[in-house]
């Protein structure tokens, strides 16, 4: 049974290879752009609390 499954997998791979080489690979000219921050993305800012301690000149 395993031999039959291996033969079927081999035939499937061979069929895909034949289709690939007869039709030729599709060349895609994708333009790559750097990622830009979205205005819809939430921005996380630190929230000052009394537990954080003093800030500014008193921070020693």
C-alpha atoms as a PDB file:
ATOM      1  CA  UNK A   1       0.000   0.000   0.000  1.00  0.00           C
ATOM      2  CA  UNK A   2       2.879   2.354   0.816  1.00  0.00           C
ATOM      3  CA  UNK A   3       4.436   1.605  -2.568  1.00  0.00           C
ATOM      4  CA  UNK A   4       1.210   2.582  -4.297  1.00  0.00           C
ATOM      5  CA  UNK A   5       1.067   5.841  -2.354  1.00  0.00           C
ATOM      6  CA  UNK A   6       4.709   6.577  -3.213  1.00  0.00           C
ATOM      7  CA  UNK A   7       4.040   5.853  -6.887  1.00  0.00           C
ATOM      8  CA  UNK A   8       1.036   8.186  -6.872  1.00  0.00           C
ATOM      9  CA  UNK A   9       3.029  10.955  -5.184  1.00  0.00           C
ATOM     10  CA  UNK A  10       5.827  10.512  -7.702  1.00  0.00           C
ATOM     11  CA  UNK A  11       3.399  10.729 -10.605  1.00  0.00           C
ATOM     12  CA  UNK A  12       1.834  13.876  -9.171  1.00  0.00           C
ATOM     13  CA  UNK A  13       5.246  15.516  -8.759  1.00  0.00           C
ATOM     14  CA  UNK A  14       6.201  14.492 -12.287  1.00  0.00           C
ATOM     15  CA  UNK A  15       2.964  15.928 -13.679  1.00  0.00           C
ATOM     16  CA  UNK A  16       3.567  19.253 -11.933  1.00  0.00           C
ATOM     17  CA  UNK A  17       7.151  19.312 -13.242  1.00  0.00           C
ATOM     18  CA  UNK A  18       5.982  18.636 -16.804  1.00  0.00           C
ATOM     19  CA  UNK A  19       3.413  21.433 -16.592  1.00  0.00           C
ATOM     20  CA  UNK A  20       6.013  23.785 -15.113  1.00  0.00           C
ATOM     21  CA  UNK A  21       8.579  23.231 -17.835  1.00  0.00           C
ATOM     22  CA  UNK A  22       6.126  23.184 -20.742  1.00  0.00           C
ATOM     23  CA  UNK A  23       4.373  26.415 -19.780  1.00  0.00           C
ATOM     24  CA  UNK A  24       7.473  28.192 -18.460  1.00  0.00           C
ATOM     25  CA  UNK A  25       7.767  29.955 -15.171  1.00  0.00           C
ATOM     26  CA  UNK A  26       5.821  33.148 -14.732  1.00  0.00           C
ATOM     27  CA  UNK A  27       8.134  36.076 -14.130  1.00  0.00           C
ATOM     28  CA  UNK A  28       6.617  38.687 -11.858  1.00  0.00           C
ATOM     29  CA  UNK A  29       8.124  42.145 -11.694  1.00  0.00           C
ATOM     30  CA  UNK A  30       7.088  43.118  -8.201  1.00  0.00           C
ATOM     31  CA  UNK A  31       8.136  46.529  -7.011  1.00  0.00           C
ATOM     32  CA  UNK A  32       9.351  46.353  -3.436  1.00  0.00           C
ATOM     33  CA  UNK A  33       8.653  49.451  -1.373  1.00  0.00           C
ATOM     34  CA  UNK A  34       9.653  50.133   2.209  1.00  0.00           C
ATOM     35  CA  UNK A  35       6.896  49.812   4.769  1.00  0.00           C
ATOM     36  CA  UNK A  36       5.098  53.020   5.657  1.00  0.00           C
ATOM     37  CA  UNK A  37       3.339  53.555   8.972  1.00  0.00           C
ATOM     38  CA  UNK A  38      -0.401  53.600   8.667  1.00  0.00           C
ATOM     39  CA  UNK A  39      -2.526  56.333  10.209  1.00  0.00           C
ATOM     40  CA  UNK A  40      -5.021  53.657  11.267  1.00  0.00           C
ATOM     41  CA  UNK A  41      -2.442  51.822  13.397  1.00  0.00           C
ATOM     42  CA  UNK A  42      -2.786  52.529  17.125  1.00  0.00           C
ATOM     43  CA  UNK A  43       0.170  54.221  18.772  1.00  0.00           C
ATOM     44  CA  UNK A  44       1.183  53.181  22.259  1.00  0.00           C
ATOM     45  CA  UNK A  45       2.569  55.932  24.454  1.00  0.00           C
ATOM     46  CA  UNK A  46       3.754  55.571  28.044  1.00  0.00           C
ATOM     47  CA  UNK A  47       1.222  56.790  30.577  1.00  0.00           C
ATOM     48  CA  UNK A  48       2.795  58.726  33.457  1.00  0.00           C
ATOM     49  CA  UNK A  49       1.779  57.408  36.865  1.00  0.00           C
ATOM     50  CA  UNK A  50       2.819  58.095  40.432  1.00  0.00           C
ATOM     51  CA  UNK A  51       4.371  54.629  40.544  1.00  0.00           C
ATOM     52  CA  UNK A  52       6.858  55.605  37.844  1.00  0.00           C
ATOM     53  CA  UNK A  53       8.483  58.126  40.179  1.00  0.00           C
ATOM     54  CA  UNK A  54       9.498  61.714  39.601  1.00  0.00           C
ATOM     55  CA  UNK A  55      10.446  62.928  36.133  1.00  0.00           C
ATOM     56  CA  UNK A  56      12.618  65.789  34.946  1.00  0.00           C
ATOM     57  CA  UNK A  57      15.174  67.404  37.285  1.00  0.00           C
ATOM     58  CA  UNK A  58      13.819  65.571  40.350  1.00  0.00           C
ATOM     59  CA  UNK A  59      14.709  62.182  38.829  1.00  0.00           C
ATOM     60  CA  UNK A  60      17.723  61.095  40.935  1.00  0.00           C
END
